Amino acid sequence: MARSVSLNRNDGFVLKSWTGNCAYFDANGNYLGMLPATLPEDPDDWITGDTIYVKCLKAQPTQMASAMTDMAVLAGASVEGAIPEVVFMVTAAKVVAMTAPPVKPTYVSFYDAENEKTLPTDAVIFDEDDVYLIISLNRAIIYLSEYPYEIQLRSYPLGGDPDWVSVELNEDDILAPDGKSIIVKITNDELVSIGLVRVVPGTVAETASCDVTEPTDSDQFDQKVEDFNPSLTEFKVPARKFGSGGSYAREPVKTTEDYIIAGGADFIAVQTDEVWDIGLLQNQSDWLYISAHGSHSTGSLGGVLPSQVDWKRDLYLVIVAGCSVLDVDDMNNNYSGAAHTASPGRKWAPTGPKILLGYNYYAPADDHAGDPQFTAKIVETTFERRFQNGETWEHAWGYANKDLAGGLRDSPYNACAIVIDGEQRTYWYWEKGLFGHTWKSLSF
Protein backbone atom coordinates (compact mmCIF):
# COMPACT_ATOMS: atom_id res chain seq x y z
CA MET A 1 0.00 0.00 0.00
CA ALA A 2 1.08 3.64 -0.55
CA ARG A 3 1.38 6.09 2.28
CA SER A 4 2.02 9.83 2.13
CA VAL A 5 5.28 11.21 3.41
CA SER A 6 5.24 14.93 4.20
CA LEU A 7 7.97 17.40 5.08
CA ASN A 8 7.61 19.26 8.34
CA ARG A 9 9.18 22.61 7.42
CA ASN A 10 11.54 23.51 10.22
CA ASP A 11 12.40 27.20 10.70
CA GLY A 12 15.41 28.26 8.69
CA PHE A 13 15.30 25.39 6.17
CA VAL A 14 13.70 25.03 2.77
CA LEU A 15 12.93 21.94 0.71
CA LYS A 16 15.32 21.34 -2.13
CA SER A 17 14.48 17.80 -3.33
CA TRP A 18 13.47 14.35 -2.17
CA THR A 19 16.01 11.56 -2.72
CA GLY A 20 16.04 7.88 -1.89
CA ASN A 21 16.30 4.38 -3.36
CA CYS A 22 12.63 3.51 -3.86
CA ALA A 23 9.70 4.12 -6.17
CA TYR A 24 7.23 6.92 -5.57
CA PHE A 25 3.60 7.40 -6.64
CA ASP A 26 0.82 9.95 -6.90
CA ALA A 27 -2.07 10.05 -4.45
CA ASN A 28 -3.99 7.51 -6.56
CA GLY A 29 -1.18 4.99 -6.49
CA ASN A 30 0.04 5.64 -10.03
CA TYR A 31 3.75 4.95 -10.44
CA LEU A 32 5.80 8.12 -11.07
CA GLY A 33 9.29 6.69 -11.09
CA MET A 34 12.23 6.07 -8.83
CA LEU A 35 13.44 8.71 -6.42
CA PRO A 36 16.95 9.91 -7.39
CA ALA A 37 19.65 8.38 -5.23
CA THR A 38 21.43 11.73 -4.91
CA LEU A 39 20.51 15.33 -5.59
CA PRO A 40 20.34 15.87 -9.39
CA GLU A 41 22.48 18.63 -10.85
CA ASP A 42 19.61 19.93 -12.99
CA PRO A 43 17.01 21.69 -10.78
CA ASP A 44 14.36 20.60 -13.33
CA ASP A 45 14.91 17.02 -12.09
CA TRP A 46 14.35 17.88 -8.44
CA ILE A 47 11.27 16.43 -6.70
CA THR A 48 10.03 19.35 -4.67
CA GLY A 49 6.52 18.64 -3.49
CA ASP A 50 5.90 18.84 0.24
CA THR A 51 4.25 15.37 0.09
CA ILE A 52 5.21 12.22 -1.83
CA TYR A 53 3.75 8.68 -1.77
CA VAL A 54 5.85 5.57 -1.31
CA LYS A 55 5.06 1.84 -0.99
CA CYS A 56 5.29 0.73 2.61
CA LEU A 57 5.74 -2.63 4.36
CA LYS A 58 4.03 -4.02 7.44
CA ALA A 59 6.16 -3.98 10.52
CA GLN A 60 6.07 -3.95 14.26
CA PRO A 61 5.31 -0.60 15.89
CA THR A 62 8.69 -0.59 17.53
CA GLN A 63 10.36 -0.87 14.15
CA MET A 64 8.19 1.89 12.72
CA ALA A 65 8.82 4.13 15.69
CA SER A 66 12.56 3.74 15.30
CA ALA A 67 12.38 4.48 11.63
CA MET A 68 10.18 7.51 12.24
CA THR A 69 12.72 8.87 14.70
CA ASP A 70 15.44 8.51 12.11
CA MET A 71 13.27 10.18 9.52
CA ALA A 72 12.36 13.04 11.81
CA VAL A 73 16.00 13.68 12.61
CA LEU A 74 17.06 13.49 9.00
CA ALA A 75 14.32 15.44 7.33
CA GLY A 76 11.55 16.42 9.66
CA ALA A 77 9.20 13.97 7.89
CA SER A 78 5.93 12.52 9.08
CA VAL A 79 3.82 9.62 7.84
CA GLU A 80 0.08 9.63 7.47
CA GLY A 81 -1.59 6.23 8.20
CA ALA A 82 -2.15 3.65 10.90
CA ILE A 83 1.06 3.07 12.78
CA PRO A 84 0.94 -0.75 12.81
CA GLU A 85 0.63 -0.87 9.04
CA VAL A 86 3.42 1.47 8.03
CA VAL A 87 7.16 1.37 8.19
CA PHE A 88 10.12 2.95 6.43
CA MET A 89 12.79 0.40 5.69
CA VAL A 90 15.70 2.60 6.64
CA THR A 91 18.25 0.53 4.73
CA ALA A 92 16.15 -0.28 1.68
CA ALA A 93 13.60 2.47 1.24
CA LYS A 94 14.82 5.48 3.16
CA VAL A 95 13.32 8.77 1.89
CA VAL A 96 15.25 11.93 2.71
CA ALA A 97 14.28 15.54 2.02
CA MET A 98 17.40 17.45 1.03
CA THR A 99 17.31 20.85 2.70
CA ALA A 100 19.44 23.97 2.39
CA PRO A 101 20.17 26.96 4.64
CA PRO A 102 18.28 30.22 4.06
CA VAL A 103 19.35 32.18 1.02
CA LYS A 104 21.68 35.07 1.91
CA PRO A 105 23.48 37.65 -0.24
CA THR A 106 27.25 37.39 0.04
CA TYR A 107 27.94 40.66 -1.79
CA VAL A 108 26.28 43.31 -3.93
CA SER A 109 27.98 45.54 -6.48
CA PHE A 110 27.16 48.04 -9.18
CA TYR A 111 27.59 46.21 -12.45
CA ASP A 112 28.63 46.73 -16.06
CA ALA A 113 26.10 44.47 -17.76
CA GLU A 114 27.57 44.96 -21.23
CA ASN A 115 31.05 43.80 -20.21
CA GLU A 116 29.84 41.52 -17.40
CA LYS A 117 32.04 42.94 -14.66
CA THR A 118 31.59 44.81 -11.41
CA LEU A 119 32.17 48.55 -11.34
CA PRO A 120 34.83 50.18 -9.13
CA THR A 121 33.79 53.04 -6.85
CA ASP A 122 35.30 55.69 -9.15
CA ALA A 123 33.35 54.53 -12.24
CA VAL A 124 30.66 57.09 -13.12
CA ILE A 125 27.18 55.88 -14.07
CA PHE A 126 25.82 58.52 -16.44
CA ASP A 127 22.44 59.96 -15.58
CA GLU A 128 20.80 58.91 -18.85
CA ASP A 129 21.84 55.26 -18.39
CA ASP A 130 20.18 52.38 -16.58
CA VAL A 131 21.76 51.15 -13.34
CA TYR A 132 22.67 47.49 -12.94
CA LEU A 133 23.44 45.58 -9.76
CA ILE A 134 24.77 42.07 -9.22
CA ILE A 135 23.82 40.23 -6.03
CA SER A 136 25.81 37.07 -5.27
CA LEU A 137 24.05 34.40 -3.19
CA ASN A 138 25.31 31.81 -0.75
CA ARG A 139 23.40 29.08 -2.61
CA ALA A 140 21.33 28.54 -5.71
CA ILE A 141 17.67 29.49 -5.93
CA ILE A 142 15.14 28.52 -8.58
CA TYR A 143 12.95 31.62 -8.68
CA LEU A 144 13.59 35.33 -8.12
CA SER A 145 10.68 35.29 -5.69
CA GLU A 146 12.83 33.20 -3.33
CA TYR A 147 15.05 36.22 -2.64
CA PRO A 148 13.65 37.55 0.66
CA TYR A 149 15.47 40.83 1.26
CA GLU A 150 14.77 44.46 0.39
CA ILE A 151 17.05 46.13 -2.14
CA GLN A 152 17.57 49.75 -1.12
CA LEU A 153 19.35 52.63 -2.85
CA ARG A 154 20.04 56.28 -2.28
CA SER A 155 22.04 59.04 -4.00
CA TYR A 156 23.54 62.02 -2.25
CA PRO A 157 26.15 64.78 -2.56
CA LEU A 158 29.17 65.15 -0.30
CA GLY A 159 27.92 65.15 3.29
CA GLY A 160 24.38 64.11 2.34
CA ASP A 161 22.41 61.56 4.36
CA PRO A 162 19.05 60.94 2.66
CA ASP A 163 16.56 58.16 3.30
CA TRP A 164 16.86 54.88 1.46
CA VAL A 165 14.36 53.97 -1.24
CA SER A 166 13.40 50.39 -2.08
CA VAL A 167 13.24 48.74 -5.48
CA GLU A 168 11.41 45.50 -6.17
CA LEU A 169 12.55 42.65 -8.37
CA ASN A 170 10.59 42.52 -11.63
CA GLU A 171 10.65 41.14 -15.17
CA ASP A 172 13.72 43.24 -16.06
CA ASP A 173 15.82 41.29 -13.56
CA ILE A 174 17.65 38.06 -14.34
CA LEU A 175 18.54 35.03 -12.25
CA ALA A 176 21.85 33.57 -13.42
CA PRO A 177 21.70 30.06 -14.98
CA ASP A 178 23.38 28.55 -11.93
CA GLY A 179 20.86 30.25 -9.64
CA LYS A 180 23.63 31.80 -7.54
CA SER A 181 23.42 35.45 -8.57
CA ILE A 182 20.82 38.02 -9.55
CA ILE A 183 21.32 40.80 -12.10
CA VAL A 184 19.06 43.71 -11.12
CA LYS A 185 18.22 46.34 -13.74
CA ILE A 186 16.94 49.72 -12.59
CA THR A 187 15.81 51.64 -15.65
CA ASN A 188 16.53 55.32 -16.05
CA ASP A 189 12.80 56.02 -15.78
CA GLU A 190 12.78 54.19 -12.44
CA LEU A 191 15.80 56.17 -11.25
CA VAL A 192 14.02 59.42 -12.01
CA SER A 193 10.67 58.33 -10.54
CA ILE A 194 12.17 57.30 -7.19
CA GLY A 195 14.30 60.44 -6.98
CA LEU A 196 17.78 58.97 -7.45
CA VAL A 197 18.50 61.35 -10.34
CA ARG A 198 18.41 64.38 -8.10
CA VAL A 199 17.11 67.76 -9.23
CA VAL A 200 18.65 70.61 -7.26
CA PRO A 201 16.97 74.05 -7.13
CA GLY A 202 18.47 76.62 -9.48
CA THR A 203 19.25 78.93 -6.56
CA VAL A 204 21.85 76.45 -5.29
CA ALA A 205 25.34 76.51 -6.80
CA GLU A 206 26.34 72.88 -7.31
CA THR A 207 30.11 72.73 -7.13
CA ALA A 208 32.60 70.05 -8.18
CA SER A 209 36.37 69.85 -8.33
CA CYS A 210 38.84 67.30 -9.63
CA ASP A 211 42.61 67.19 -9.52
CA VAL A 212 45.25 64.89 -11.02
CA THR A 213 48.13 66.61 -9.19
CA GLU A 214 48.53 67.87 -5.63
CA PRO A 215 45.11 69.10 -4.52
CA THR A 216 46.11 72.42 -2.96
CA ASP A 217 44.33 74.53 -5.57
CA SER A 218 41.23 72.32 -5.91
CA ASP A 219 40.89 72.20 -2.12
CA GLN A 220 41.20 75.99 -2.08
CA PHE A 221 38.49 76.26 -4.72
CA ASP A 222 36.12 74.22 -2.55
CA GLN A 223 37.01 76.27 0.51
CA LYS A 224 36.49 79.62 -1.22
CA VAL A 225 33.14 78.53 -2.62
CA GLU A 226 32.12 77.70 0.94
CA ASP A 227 33.51 80.97 2.31
CA PHE A 228 31.78 83.23 -0.18
CA ASN A 229 28.59 81.29 -0.87
CA PRO A 230 28.05 79.01 2.16
CA SER A 231 24.27 78.75 2.35
CA LEU A 232 23.66 78.36 -1.37
CA THR A 233 26.25 75.74 -2.25
CA GLU A 234 26.04 71.97 -2.65
CA PHE A 235 29.30 70.08 -3.09
CA LYS A 236 29.43 67.17 -5.46
CA VAL A 237 31.81 64.30 -4.74
CA PRO A 238 35.34 65.69 -5.08
CA ALA A 239 37.83 63.75 -7.21
CA ARG A 240 41.51 63.66 -6.39
CA LYS A 241 44.64 61.91 -7.62
CA PHE A 242 44.68 59.55 -4.65
CA GLY A 243 40.97 59.46 -3.89
CA SER A 244 39.48 56.25 -2.59
CA GLY A 245 35.79 56.76 -1.79
CA GLY A 246 35.16 54.59 1.24
CA SER A 247 32.39 53.40 3.53
CA TYR A 248 29.25 55.27 2.44
CA ALA A 249 31.90 57.70 1.35
CA ARG A 250 32.59 61.09 2.78
CA GLU A 251 35.97 61.10 1.06
CA PRO A 252 37.17 62.08 -2.42
CA VAL A 253 37.16 59.48 -5.16
CA LYS A 254 39.92 58.98 -7.67
CA THR A 255 39.99 61.41 -10.59
CA THR A 256 39.08 59.68 -13.85
CA GLU A 257 38.30 60.72 -17.40
CA ASP A 258 34.66 59.77 -16.77
CA TYR A 259 34.47 62.23 -13.89
CA ILE A 260 35.63 65.06 -16.15
CA ILE A 261 33.21 63.99 -18.88
CA ALA A 262 30.36 63.86 -16.37
CA GLY A 263 31.10 67.32 -15.01
CA GLY A 264 30.41 66.21 -11.44
CA ALA A 265 28.79 63.29 -9.64
CA ASP A 266 26.89 62.24 -6.52
CA PHE A 267 27.44 59.08 -4.55
CA ILE A 268 24.97 56.27 -5.19
CA ALA A 269 24.76 53.48 -2.62
CA VAL A 270 22.97 50.13 -2.48
CA GLN A 271 22.34 47.81 0.43
CA THR A 272 20.52 44.50 0.79
CA ASP A 273 20.52 42.54 4.03
CA GLU A 274 24.02 43.15 5.43
CA VAL A 275 25.97 43.77 2.21
CA TRP A 276 26.42 47.11 0.44
CA ASP A 277 28.29 48.91 -2.30
CA ILE A 278 28.89 52.49 -3.35
CA GLY A 279 29.43 54.13 -6.74
CA LEU A 280 29.07 57.42 -8.60
CA LEU A 281 26.02 58.73 -10.43
CA GLN A 282 26.45 61.70 -12.75
CA ASN A 283 24.97 64.91 -11.42
CA GLN A 284 26.44 67.77 -13.38
CA SER A 285 27.55 70.73 -11.32
CA ASP A 286 27.15 74.45 -11.97
CA TRP A 287 30.77 75.27 -11.17
CA LEU A 288 33.62 72.89 -12.00
CA TYR A 289 37.32 73.22 -11.19
CA ILE A 290 39.73 70.95 -13.11
CA SER A 291 43.41 70.69 -12.33
CA ALA A 292 44.88 68.47 -15.04
CA HIS A 293 47.38 68.34 -17.86
CA GLY A 294 46.32 69.90 -21.17
CA SER A 295 47.46 69.32 -24.75
CA HIS A 296 47.46 72.24 -27.16
CA SER A 297 47.69 70.07 -30.26
CA THR A 298 44.68 67.84 -29.46
CA GLY A 299 42.82 70.01 -26.96
CA SER A 300 42.67 67.11 -24.51
CA LEU A 301 42.34 67.90 -20.81
CA GLY A 302 43.18 65.13 -18.39
CA GLY A 303 42.92 62.76 -21.37
CA VAL A 304 39.44 64.03 -22.33
CA LEU A 305 38.73 65.63 -25.71
CA PRO A 306 36.19 68.46 -26.14
CA SER A 307 34.14 66.18 -28.39
CA GLN A 308 33.65 63.73 -25.50
CA VAL A 309 31.87 66.08 -23.13
CA ASP A 310 28.33 67.37 -23.00
CA TRP A 311 28.34 70.08 -20.37
CA LYS A 312 25.13 71.71 -21.55
CA ARG A 313 22.87 70.37 -18.78
CA ASP A 314 23.98 72.59 -15.92
CA LEU A 315 27.57 73.78 -16.15
CA TYR A 316 27.95 77.55 -16.04
CA LEU A 317 31.56 78.05 -14.94
CA VAL A 318 34.62 75.88 -15.62
CA ILE A 319 38.06 76.79 -14.30
CA VAL A 320 40.94 74.88 -15.91
CA ALA A 321 44.24 74.82 -14.04
CA GLY A 322 46.03 73.21 -16.98
CA CYS A 323 48.15 74.24 -19.91
CA SER A 324 47.04 75.71 -23.22
CA VAL A 325 43.63 74.15 -23.90
CA LEU A 326 41.69 77.44 -23.94
CA ASP A 327 43.96 79.13 -26.49
CA VAL A 328 42.16 80.85 -29.36
CA ASP A 329 44.15 81.81 -32.47
CA ASP A 330 47.54 82.00 -30.68
CA MET A 331 47.37 85.78 -30.35
CA ASN A 332 50.82 85.99 -28.74
CA ASN A 333 52.54 83.70 -31.28
CA ASN A 334 53.57 81.14 -28.69
CA TYR A 335 53.43 78.30 -31.24
CA SER A 336 54.72 77.62 -34.71
CA GLY A 337 53.70 75.41 -37.63
CA ALA A 338 50.47 73.44 -37.25
CA ALA A 339 50.32 74.27 -33.53
CA HIS A 340 49.92 77.98 -34.39
CA THR A 341 46.49 77.27 -35.89
CA ALA A 342 45.38 74.46 -33.55
CA SER A 343 43.21 76.82 -31.48
CA PRO A 344 41.85 74.30 -28.94
CA GLY A 345 39.75 76.97 -27.25
CA ARG A 346 37.46 77.00 -30.27
CA LYS A 347 36.74 73.32 -29.60
CA TRP A 348 35.98 73.83 -25.91
CA ALA A 349 33.82 76.94 -26.42
CA PRO A 350 30.68 75.08 -27.65
CA THR A 351 30.70 72.41 -24.90
CA GLY A 352 28.13 74.22 -22.77
CA PRO A 353 29.53 76.47 -20.00
CA LYS A 354 29.01 80.21 -20.22
CA ILE A 355 32.43 80.96 -18.76
CA LEU A 356 35.70 79.03 -19.16
CA LEU A 357 38.79 80.27 -17.33
CA GLY A 358 42.23 78.82 -18.00
CA TYR A 359 45.47 79.28 -19.92
CA ASN A 360 46.59 79.61 -23.54
CA TYR A 361 50.18 78.48 -22.98
CA TYR A 362 52.09 77.07 -19.99
CA ALA A 363 50.03 77.20 -16.80
CA PRO A 364 51.65 77.89 -13.42
CA ALA A 365 52.60 74.72 -11.55
CA ASP A 366 51.05 74.09 -8.15
CA ASP A 367 54.38 75.00 -6.53
CA HIS A 368 55.27 77.80 -8.97
CA ALA A 369 58.14 80.00 -7.81
CA GLY A 370 58.80 77.56 -4.95
CA ASP A 371 55.47 78.33 -3.30
CA PRO A 372 53.42 75.14 -2.68
CA GLN A 373 50.31 77.32 -2.36
CA PHE A 374 50.82 79.29 -5.57
CA THR A 375 47.84 78.05 -7.63
CA ALA A 376 45.72 77.99 -4.48
CA LYS A 377 46.45 81.71 -4.12
CA ILE A 378 45.28 82.33 -7.69
CA VAL A 379 41.96 80.71 -6.78
CA GLU A 380 41.73 82.69 -3.56
CA THR A 381 42.48 86.01 -5.27
CA THR A 382 39.98 85.27 -8.06
CA PHE A 383 37.21 84.71 -5.53
CA GLU A 384 38.11 87.83 -3.57
CA ARG A 385 37.98 89.95 -6.71
CA ARG A 386 34.74 88.32 -7.88
CA PHE A 387 32.79 88.37 -4.62
CA GLN A 388 34.34 91.24 -2.66
CA ASN A 389 35.07 93.64 -5.53
CA GLY A 390 32.18 92.60 -7.79
CA GLU A 391 34.38 92.04 -10.84
CA THR A 392 33.27 89.76 -13.68
CA TRP A 393 34.67 86.24 -13.63
CA GLU A 394 36.92 86.86 -16.63
CA HIS A 395 38.33 90.09 -15.19
CA ALA A 396 38.81 88.57 -11.72
CA TRP A 397 40.67 85.60 -13.24
CA GLY A 398 42.91 87.62 -15.51
CA TYR A 399 43.93 90.09 -12.82
CA ALA A 400 44.32 87.48 -10.08
CA ASN A 401 46.98 85.88 -12.28
CA LYS A 402 48.56 89.27 -12.97
CA ASP A 403 48.67 90.06 -9.24
CA LEU A 404 50.71 86.93 -8.56
CA ALA A 405 52.98 87.04 -11.61
CA GLY A 406 56.69 87.43 -10.85
CA GLY A 407 57.45 89.42 -13.98
CA LEU A 408 56.22 90.10 -17.52
CA ARG A 409 57.49 86.76 -18.77
CA ASP A 410 55.95 84.73 -15.94
CA SER A 411 53.39 82.01 -16.76
CA PRO A 412 50.40 83.59 -14.94
CA TYR A 413 50.28 86.03 -17.86
CA ASN A 414 49.18 83.10 -20.02
CA ALA A 415 45.79 83.34 -18.33
CA CYS A 416 42.80 83.59 -20.65
CA ALA A 417 39.02 83.33 -20.57
CA ILE A 418 36.16 82.42 -22.92
CA VAL A 419 32.76 84.03 -22.32
CA ILE A 420 29.62 82.79 -24.10
CA ASP A 421 26.62 85.12 -24.33
CA GLY A 422 24.03 83.63 -26.65
CA GLU A 423 25.65 83.44 -30.06
CA GLN A 424 28.43 85.83 -29.04
CA ARG A 425 31.76 84.29 -28.06
CA THR A 426 34.47 86.47 -26.56
CA TYR A 427 38.05 85.49 -25.88
CA TRP A 428 40.01 87.40 -23.21
CA TYR A 429 43.80 87.22 -22.98
CA TRP A 430 46.88 89.19 -21.99
CA GLU A 431 48.29 90.87 -25.10
CA LYS A 432 51.98 90.87 -24.35
CA GLY A 433 54.08 93.96 -24.93
CA LEU A 434 57.68 94.86 -24.34
CA PHE A 435 56.93 97.13 -21.40
CA GLY A 436 53.61 95.78 -20.19
CA HIS A 437 50.66 93.56 -20.99
CA THR A 438 47.05 94.49 -21.77
CA TRP A 439 43.92 92.47 -20.92
CA LYS A 440 42.19 92.39 -24.30
CA SER A 441 39.13 90.78 -25.87
CA LEU A 442 38.52 89.13 -29.22
CA SER A 443 35.19 88.07 -30.71
CA PHE A 444 35.35 84.72 -32.47
Foldseek 3Di string as FASTA:
>chain_A
DKWKKFFDDDPFKAFQAKAWAFWWAPPVRHTDGGGHNDDDQDSVPGHHDRMIIGDFAADALVQQVVQVVVQCVQTNMDIDDDSRGGHAPCVRTDMGGDIDGQKDWPAKAWADVVVGGGDAAADEDELQFKTKMKTFIPAADDDPVSDDKWKWKAWDFQPDDDDIDTDDADPVKDQDPRRGMIMGIQGSVNCVVVCRLPDDDPQAFEEEEEAQDPCLQVVLLVVLCCVQPVPRYTYGAYAYNPWHADDVGNTHHHDDLVCVQLQGWIKMKIDIDHYIYIHTYRDHGQEYEYEAEADLQQLDGNNHGLVSHQNAPHYAEYEYQYAASLAAQPLQPPDDDPSNHSRNNVSNQPNHYQKYKYFRGGGADCCRPNNVNLSNQLSVQLSCCCRVVVDDSQVSNLVSLVVSAPDLPGRSQRIKMWGDDPPWIKIWHWHRDPVGTDTDIDTD
